[in-house]
Amino acid sequence: FIHETMRFNPVAPGTLPHTSKTDVKLRSGVVIPAGSFVIGSTVLILRKDSRWKNPSSFDINNFLTEDGKFSKPEMFVPFGLGPRSCVGEKLARVEIVMFLAHMINKFRFVPIDGHVYERDSGAYSGVMRPKPYKVKAIIRN
C-alpha cells in the first residue's frame, strides 16, 4: 500500500537539476550535449506503461508477484537514486510506516457521502501538494 501510494502520487515529481558533463546518447538516439541542463522526471519513471502492470491506476498488484509476494522493481525511485537521492529517505520511510500504523490503529477512515476524490496534479512548489480530500475519521474502541 505504501509503495503504491508513493508510486501513484510521488511527492517530488522531478529530480534536482543536473548538468551533463559529457555528450550522452539515449537509447532513442537523442543526444544530450555536454553542459545541458537536465531534470529527471520521477513521474515518468513511476508511470512508464511498459514497466508496471497497471501504470495509470492505483493498484497494489504493481508490487506483487504472480504468487502474491512483495517485489520492489528497480524503477521504483520516489526518492531519486544515486549520489543525489533524497538524504531524508530513511527517516521518511520510518515516519511513513509509524504515522500510518498509528492512524490505522486509532481510527477507521470512511468516505463522506457525495465527496469524490479528484486525482489531478494538485499544486507544485518543489513538492506536490494534492487537493484537499475529506474523509471521516472514526475513533476505534
N, C-alpha and C. Protein backbone atom coordinates (compact mmCIF):
# COMPACT_ATOMS: atom_id res chain seq x y z
N PHE A 1 0.82 -1.19 0.00
CA PHE A 1 0.00 0.00 0.00
C PHE A 1 0.86 1.26 0.00
N ILE A 2 1.86 1.31 0.88
CA ILE A 2 2.72 2.49 0.98
C ILE A 2 3.50 2.69 -0.31
N HIS A 3 4.07 1.62 -0.84
CA HIS A 3 4.85 1.74 -2.07
C HIS A 3 3.97 2.21 -3.24
N GLU A 4 2.78 1.67 -3.35
CA GLU A 4 1.90 2.08 -4.44
C GLU A 4 1.45 3.53 -4.27
N THR A 5 1.26 3.97 -3.04
CA THR A 5 0.92 5.36 -2.79
C THR A 5 2.05 6.27 -3.26
N MET A 6 3.29 5.90 -2.94
CA MET A 6 4.44 6.72 -3.36
C MET A 6 4.65 6.65 -4.88
N ARG A 7 4.29 5.54 -5.50
CA ARG A 7 4.41 5.44 -6.96
C ARG A 7 3.34 6.26 -7.66
N PHE A 8 2.12 6.12 -7.18
CA PHE A 8 0.99 6.75 -7.85
C PHE A 8 0.95 8.27 -7.65
N ASN A 9 1.36 8.73 -6.49
CA ASN A 9 1.37 10.17 -6.17
C ASN A 9 2.72 10.57 -5.59
N PRO A 10 3.76 10.62 -6.41
CA PRO A 10 5.08 10.96 -5.86
C PRO A 10 5.11 12.39 -5.30
N VAL A 11 5.77 12.54 -4.16
CA VAL A 11 5.87 13.86 -3.52
C VAL A 11 6.72 14.79 -4.37
N ALA A 12 7.82 14.28 -4.86
CA ALA A 12 8.72 15.08 -5.71
C ALA A 12 8.60 14.56 -7.15
N PRO A 13 7.96 15.33 -8.02
CA PRO A 13 7.74 14.86 -9.39
C PRO A 13 8.98 14.86 -10.28
N GLY A 14 10.04 15.50 -9.81
CA GLY A 14 11.27 15.56 -10.61
C GLY A 14 12.49 15.57 -9.73
N THR A 15 13.64 15.41 -10.35
CA THR A 15 14.90 15.42 -9.62
C THR A 15 15.42 16.85 -9.52
N LEU A 16 16.46 17.02 -8.74
CA LEU A 16 17.12 18.32 -8.72
C LEU A 16 17.83 18.51 -10.06
N PRO A 17 18.02 19.75 -10.48
CA PRO A 17 18.69 19.99 -11.76
C PRO A 17 20.13 19.47 -11.77
N HIS A 18 20.53 18.98 -12.93
CA HIS A 18 21.89 18.49 -13.15
C HIS A 18 22.41 19.10 -14.44
N THR A 19 23.70 19.03 -14.63
CA THR A 19 24.32 19.44 -15.89
C THR A 19 25.11 18.25 -16.40
N SER A 20 24.89 17.89 -17.67
CA SER A 20 25.63 16.75 -18.22
C SER A 20 27.09 17.15 -18.44
N LYS A 21 28.01 16.31 -18.00
CA LYS A 21 29.44 16.60 -18.13
C LYS A 21 29.97 16.24 -19.51
N THR A 22 29.35 15.24 -20.13
CA THR A 22 29.76 14.80 -21.46
C THR A 22 28.52 14.64 -22.33
N ASP A 23 28.72 14.49 -23.63
CA ASP A 23 27.60 14.17 -24.51
C ASP A 23 27.05 12.80 -24.10
N VAL A 24 25.73 12.70 -24.06
CA VAL A 24 25.09 11.43 -23.70
C VAL A 24 24.11 11.06 -24.80
N LYS A 25 24.24 9.84 -25.31
CA LYS A 25 23.31 9.37 -26.34
C LYS A 25 22.31 8.42 -25.68
N LEU A 26 21.04 8.77 -25.77
CA LEU A 26 19.99 7.94 -25.19
C LEU A 26 19.65 6.78 -26.12
N ARG A 27 18.97 5.78 -25.59
CA ARG A 27 18.57 4.62 -26.40
C ARG A 27 17.75 5.03 -27.62
N SER A 28 17.00 6.11 -27.47
CA SER A 28 16.15 6.57 -28.57
C SER A 28 16.96 7.23 -29.69
N GLY A 29 18.27 7.45 -29.43
CA GLY A 29 19.10 8.10 -30.42
C GLY A 29 19.30 9.58 -30.17
N VAL A 30 18.51 10.16 -29.29
CA VAL A 30 18.64 11.58 -28.96
C VAL A 30 19.95 11.80 -28.21
N VAL A 31 20.65 12.88 -28.57
CA VAL A 31 21.91 13.19 -27.91
C VAL A 31 21.71 14.41 -27.01
N ILE A 32 22.13 14.26 -25.74
CA ILE A 32 22.11 15.38 -24.80
C ILE A 32 23.54 15.93 -24.79
N PRO A 33 23.74 17.15 -25.32
CA PRO A 33 25.09 17.70 -25.39
C PRO A 33 25.68 18.02 -24.01
N ALA A 34 26.98 17.93 -23.91
CA ALA A 34 27.68 18.29 -22.68
C ALA A 34 27.28 19.71 -22.29
N GLY A 35 27.09 19.93 -20.99
CA GLY A 35 26.72 21.25 -20.49
C GLY A 35 25.23 21.51 -20.47
N SER A 36 24.42 20.55 -20.95
CA SER A 36 22.96 20.73 -20.97
C SER A 36 22.39 20.65 -19.57
N PHE A 37 21.36 21.43 -19.34
CA PHE A 37 20.62 21.45 -18.09
C PHE A 37 19.61 20.31 -18.15
N VAL A 38 19.66 19.37 -17.18
CA VAL A 38 18.81 18.18 -17.21
C VAL A 38 18.05 18.04 -15.90
N ILE A 39 16.75 17.78 -16.01
CA ILE A 39 15.92 17.49 -14.83
C ILE A 39 15.20 16.17 -15.12
N GLY A 40 15.43 15.18 -14.27
CA GLY A 40 14.76 13.89 -14.44
C GLY A 40 13.32 13.96 -13.99
N SER A 41 12.48 13.15 -14.56
CA SER A 41 11.06 13.11 -14.20
C SER A 41 10.74 11.84 -13.43
N THR A 42 10.56 11.99 -12.13
CA THR A 42 10.16 10.87 -11.29
C THR A 42 8.80 10.34 -11.73
N VAL A 43 7.90 11.24 -12.08
CA VAL A 43 6.56 10.85 -12.50
C VAL A 43 6.62 9.94 -13.72
N LEU A 44 7.43 10.29 -14.71
CA LEU A 44 7.52 9.45 -15.91
C LEU A 44 8.09 8.08 -15.59
N ILE A 45 9.07 8.01 -14.72
CA ILE A 45 9.64 6.72 -14.33
C ILE A 45 8.60 5.87 -13.61
N LEU A 46 7.87 6.49 -12.70
CA LEU A 46 6.90 5.76 -11.89
C LEU A 46 5.60 5.45 -12.62
N ARG A 47 5.43 6.00 -13.84
CA ARG A 47 4.21 5.77 -14.61
C ARG A 47 4.47 5.17 -15.99
N LYS A 48 5.70 4.79 -16.28
CA LYS A 48 6.01 4.26 -17.61
C LYS A 48 5.21 2.99 -17.86
N ASP A 49 4.42 3.02 -18.92
CA ASP A 49 3.48 1.93 -19.22
C ASP A 49 4.11 0.55 -19.24
N SER A 50 5.27 0.43 -19.85
CA SER A 50 5.86 -0.90 -20.03
C SER A 50 6.45 -1.49 -18.76
N ARG A 51 6.55 -0.72 -17.71
CA ARG A 51 7.22 -1.20 -16.50
C ARG A 51 6.28 -1.59 -15.37
N TRP A 52 5.01 -1.25 -15.47
CA TRP A 52 4.06 -1.51 -14.40
C TRP A 52 2.86 -2.28 -14.93
N LYS A 53 2.28 -3.12 -14.10
CA LYS A 53 1.11 -3.89 -14.51
C LYS A 53 -0.05 -2.97 -14.87
N ASN A 54 -0.31 -2.00 -14.00
CA ASN A 54 -1.40 -1.04 -14.20
C ASN A 54 -0.86 0.36 -13.89
N PRO A 55 -0.15 0.98 -14.83
CA PRO A 55 0.55 2.23 -14.56
C PRO A 55 -0.33 3.44 -14.26
N SER A 56 -1.54 3.51 -14.80
CA SER A 56 -2.35 4.70 -14.60
C SER A 56 -3.45 4.51 -13.57
N SER A 57 -3.39 3.40 -12.83
CA SER A 57 -4.37 3.14 -11.77
C SER A 57 -3.65 2.86 -10.45
N PHE A 58 -4.31 3.20 -9.35
CA PHE A 58 -3.78 2.84 -8.03
C PHE A 58 -4.04 1.36 -7.85
N ASP A 59 -2.98 0.57 -7.87
CA ASP A 59 -3.15 -0.88 -7.83
C ASP A 59 -1.96 -1.51 -7.10
N ILE A 60 -2.19 -2.03 -5.90
CA ILE A 60 -1.09 -2.60 -5.13
C ILE A 60 -0.49 -3.83 -5.80
N ASN A 61 -1.19 -4.38 -6.80
CA ASN A 61 -0.64 -5.51 -7.54
C ASN A 61 0.60 -5.14 -8.34
N ASN A 62 0.85 -3.84 -8.50
CA ASN A 62 2.08 -3.40 -9.16
C ASN A 62 3.32 -3.86 -8.39
N PHE A 63 3.15 -4.19 -7.11
CA PHE A 63 4.27 -4.60 -6.27
C PHE A 63 4.16 -6.05 -5.81
N LEU A 64 3.26 -6.81 -6.43
CA LEU A 64 3.10 -8.20 -6.06
C LEU A 64 3.47 -9.11 -7.23
N THR A 65 4.16 -10.20 -6.92
CA THR A 65 4.50 -11.19 -7.94
C THR A 65 3.26 -12.03 -8.24
N GLU A 66 3.36 -12.91 -9.20
CA GLU A 66 2.23 -13.78 -9.56
C GLU A 66 1.76 -14.63 -8.38
N ASP A 67 2.70 -15.00 -7.48
CA ASP A 67 2.32 -15.81 -6.32
C ASP A 67 2.00 -14.96 -5.08
N GLY A 68 1.82 -13.64 -5.28
CA GLY A 68 1.37 -12.76 -4.20
C GLY A 68 2.44 -12.25 -3.26
N LYS A 69 3.70 -12.40 -3.61
CA LYS A 69 4.79 -11.92 -2.75
C LYS A 69 5.19 -10.51 -3.15
N PHE A 70 5.63 -9.73 -2.15
CA PHE A 70 6.05 -8.35 -2.40
C PHE A 70 7.32 -8.33 -3.24
N SER A 71 7.35 -7.45 -4.23
CA SER A 71 8.52 -7.28 -5.08
C SER A 71 8.64 -5.80 -5.42
N LYS A 72 9.81 -5.22 -5.14
CA LYS A 72 10.03 -3.80 -5.44
C LYS A 72 10.87 -3.69 -6.71
N PRO A 73 10.26 -3.28 -7.83
CA PRO A 73 11.01 -3.15 -9.08
C PRO A 73 12.11 -2.08 -8.97
N GLU A 74 13.18 -2.26 -9.73
CA GLU A 74 14.30 -1.32 -9.67
C GLU A 74 13.91 0.08 -10.13
N MET A 75 12.84 0.21 -10.91
CA MET A 75 12.42 1.53 -11.37
C MET A 75 11.58 2.28 -10.33
N PHE A 76 11.39 1.70 -9.16
CA PHE A 76 10.68 2.38 -8.08
C PHE A 76 11.66 3.32 -7.38
N VAL A 77 11.61 4.59 -7.76
CA VAL A 77 12.59 5.57 -7.26
C VAL A 77 11.92 6.86 -6.78
N PRO A 78 10.97 6.78 -5.82
CA PRO A 78 10.29 8.00 -5.39
C PRO A 78 11.20 9.00 -4.67
N PHE A 79 12.35 8.54 -4.20
CA PHE A 79 13.30 9.42 -3.52
C PHE A 79 14.52 9.73 -4.38
N GLY A 80 14.43 9.41 -5.66
CA GLY A 80 15.57 9.60 -6.55
C GLY A 80 16.53 8.43 -6.41
N LEU A 81 17.70 8.56 -7.04
CA LEU A 81 18.69 7.50 -6.93
C LEU A 81 20.08 8.07 -7.11
N GLY A 82 21.05 7.29 -6.74
CA GLY A 82 22.43 7.71 -6.88
C GLY A 82 22.87 8.68 -5.80
N PRO A 83 23.99 9.36 -6.03
CA PRO A 83 24.56 10.22 -5.00
C PRO A 83 23.71 11.45 -4.68
N ARG A 84 22.75 11.79 -5.53
CA ARG A 84 21.91 12.97 -5.27
C ARG A 84 20.49 12.59 -4.85
N SER A 85 20.32 11.36 -4.38
CA SER A 85 18.99 10.95 -3.92
C SER A 85 18.67 11.68 -2.61
N CYS A 86 17.45 11.62 -2.20
CA CYS A 86 16.97 12.33 -1.01
C CYS A 86 17.74 11.87 0.24
N VAL A 87 18.35 12.82 0.93
CA VAL A 87 19.12 12.48 2.13
C VAL A 87 18.20 12.06 3.28
N GLY A 88 16.93 12.42 3.21
CA GLY A 88 15.99 12.07 4.27
C GLY A 88 15.18 10.82 4.01
N GLU A 89 15.58 10.03 2.99
CA GLU A 89 14.79 8.86 2.61
C GLU A 89 14.58 7.88 3.77
N LYS A 90 15.63 7.51 4.48
CA LYS A 90 15.49 6.53 5.56
C LYS A 90 14.55 7.03 6.64
N LEU A 91 14.71 8.30 7.02
CA LEU A 91 13.83 8.87 8.04
C LEU A 91 12.39 8.93 7.52
N ALA A 92 12.21 9.34 6.28
CA ALA A 92 10.87 9.45 5.70
C ALA A 92 10.18 8.09 5.68
N ARG A 93 10.91 7.04 5.31
CA ARG A 93 10.31 5.70 5.26
C ARG A 93 9.85 5.24 6.64
N VAL A 94 10.67 5.49 7.66
CA VAL A 94 10.29 5.12 9.04
C VAL A 94 9.09 5.94 9.48
N GLU A 95 9.10 7.24 9.20
CA GLU A 95 8.00 8.12 9.59
C GLU A 95 6.69 7.70 8.92
N ILE A 96 6.75 7.35 7.64
CA ILE A 96 5.55 6.94 6.91
C ILE A 96 4.91 5.73 7.58
N VAL A 97 5.71 4.72 7.87
CA VAL A 97 5.18 3.49 8.48
C VAL A 97 4.64 3.78 9.87
N MET A 98 5.38 4.53 10.69
CA MET A 98 4.93 4.83 12.05
C MET A 98 3.63 5.64 12.04
N PHE A 99 3.57 6.66 11.19
CA PHE A 99 2.38 7.51 11.12
C PHE A 99 1.17 6.70 10.66
N LEU A 100 1.33 5.95 9.58
CA LEU A 100 0.21 5.17 9.04
C LEU A 100 -0.26 4.11 10.03
N ALA A 101 0.68 3.41 10.66
CA ALA A 101 0.31 2.39 11.65
C ALA A 101 -0.46 3.01 12.81
N HIS A 102 -0.01 4.16 13.28
CA HIS A 102 -0.69 4.84 14.39
C HIS A 102 -2.11 5.26 13.99
N MET A 103 -2.23 5.86 12.80
CA MET A 103 -3.54 6.35 12.36
C MET A 103 -4.52 5.19 12.14
N ILE A 104 -4.05 4.11 11.53
CA ILE A 104 -4.93 2.96 11.29
C ILE A 104 -5.30 2.27 12.59
N ASN A 105 -4.39 2.28 13.56
CA ASN A 105 -4.67 1.69 14.87
C ASN A 105 -5.72 2.50 15.63
N LYS A 106 -5.68 3.80 15.53
CA LYS A 106 -6.56 4.67 16.31
C LYS A 106 -7.89 5.01 15.62
N PHE A 107 -7.90 5.00 14.28
CA PHE A 107 -9.09 5.46 13.55
C PHE A 107 -9.49 4.49 12.45
N ARG A 108 -10.77 4.56 12.12
CA ARG A 108 -11.30 3.89 10.93
C ARG A 108 -11.70 5.01 9.99
N PHE A 109 -11.23 4.97 8.76
CA PHE A 109 -11.48 6.03 7.81
C PHE A 109 -12.57 5.61 6.83
N VAL A 110 -13.58 6.47 6.69
CA VAL A 110 -14.68 6.19 5.77
C VAL A 110 -14.91 7.42 4.89
N PRO A 111 -15.33 7.21 3.65
CA PRO A 111 -15.59 8.36 2.77
C PRO A 111 -16.82 9.12 3.23
N ILE A 112 -16.86 10.38 2.92
CA ILE A 112 -18.02 11.21 3.21
C ILE A 112 -18.93 11.13 2.00
N ASP A 113 -20.22 10.86 2.24
CA ASP A 113 -21.18 10.74 1.14
C ASP A 113 -21.11 11.95 0.22
N GLY A 114 -21.03 11.67 -1.07
CA GLY A 114 -21.05 12.72 -2.07
C GLY A 114 -19.71 13.36 -2.36
N HIS A 115 -18.70 13.09 -1.53
CA HIS A 115 -17.38 13.70 -1.79
C HIS A 115 -16.57 12.76 -2.67
N VAL A 116 -16.14 13.27 -3.80
CA VAL A 116 -15.39 12.47 -4.76
C VAL A 116 -13.94 12.94 -4.78
N TYR A 117 -13.05 11.99 -4.71
CA TYR A 117 -11.62 12.31 -4.79
C TYR A 117 -11.27 12.66 -6.23
N GLU A 118 -10.75 13.84 -6.43
CA GLU A 118 -10.34 14.27 -7.76
C GLU A 118 -8.83 14.14 -7.86
N ARG A 119 -8.39 13.18 -8.64
CA ARG A 119 -6.95 12.99 -8.80
C ARG A 119 -6.46 13.90 -9.91
N ASP A 120 -5.67 14.86 -9.54
CA ASP A 120 -5.03 15.71 -10.54
C ASP A 120 -3.65 16.05 -10.01
N SER A 121 -2.99 16.93 -10.67
CA SER A 121 -1.62 17.24 -10.29
C SER A 121 -1.52 18.06 -9.02
N GLY A 122 -2.60 18.64 -8.54
CA GLY A 122 -2.53 19.45 -7.34
C GLY A 122 -1.68 20.69 -7.56
N ALA A 123 -1.06 21.16 -6.52
CA ALA A 123 -0.19 22.34 -6.61
C ALA A 123 1.26 21.90 -6.47
N TYR A 124 2.13 22.58 -7.18
CA TYR A 124 3.55 22.24 -7.14
C TYR A 124 4.36 23.43 -6.65
N SER A 125 5.19 23.17 -5.65
CA SER A 125 6.12 24.19 -5.16
C SER A 125 7.40 23.48 -4.72
N GLY A 126 7.96 22.71 -5.62
CA GLY A 126 9.13 21.89 -5.28
C GLY A 126 8.71 20.48 -4.90
N VAL A 127 7.58 20.38 -4.23
CA VAL A 127 6.96 19.09 -3.93
C VAL A 127 5.49 19.18 -4.30
N MET A 128 4.87 18.02 -4.51
CA MET A 128 3.46 18.02 -4.88
C MET A 128 2.58 18.15 -3.64
N ARG A 129 1.57 18.98 -3.74
CA ARG A 129 0.57 19.12 -2.69
C ARG A 129 -0.79 18.80 -3.29
N PRO A 130 -1.35 17.64 -2.95
CA PRO A 130 -2.64 17.27 -3.55
C PRO A 130 -3.76 18.18 -3.06
N LYS A 131 -4.84 18.19 -3.83
CA LYS A 131 -6.02 18.94 -3.42
C LYS A 131 -6.57 18.31 -2.14
N PRO A 132 -7.26 19.11 -1.32
CA PRO A 132 -7.85 18.55 -0.09
C PRO A 132 -8.86 17.45 -0.41
N TYR A 133 -8.91 16.47 0.46
CA TYR A 133 -9.83 15.35 0.32
C TYR A 133 -10.45 15.10 1.68
N LYS A 134 -11.75 15.04 1.73
CA LYS A 134 -12.43 14.89 3.00
C LYS A 134 -12.81 13.44 3.25
N VAL A 135 -12.47 12.96 4.46
CA VAL A 135 -12.89 11.66 4.93
C VAL A 135 -13.33 11.82 6.39
N LYS A 136 -14.06 10.84 6.86
CA LYS A 136 -14.48 10.85 8.26
C LYS A 136 -13.57 9.88 9.01
N ALA A 137 -12.95 10.35 10.10
CA ALA A 137 -12.08 9.51 10.94
C ALA A 137 -12.89 9.15 12.19
N ILE A 138 -13.17 7.87 12.33
CA ILE A 138 -13.95 7.39 13.46
C ILE A 138 -13.02 6.70 14.44
N ILE A 139 -13.04 7.14 15.69
CA ILE A 139 -12.16 6.58 16.71
C ILE A 139 -12.52 5.11 16.94
N ARG A 140 -11.48 4.28 16.93
CA ARG A 140 -11.68 2.84 17.21
C ARG A 140 -11.81 2.64 18.71
N ASN A 141 -12.58 1.65 19.12
CA ASN A 141 -12.73 1.33 20.56
C ASN A 141 -11.63 0.46 21.05
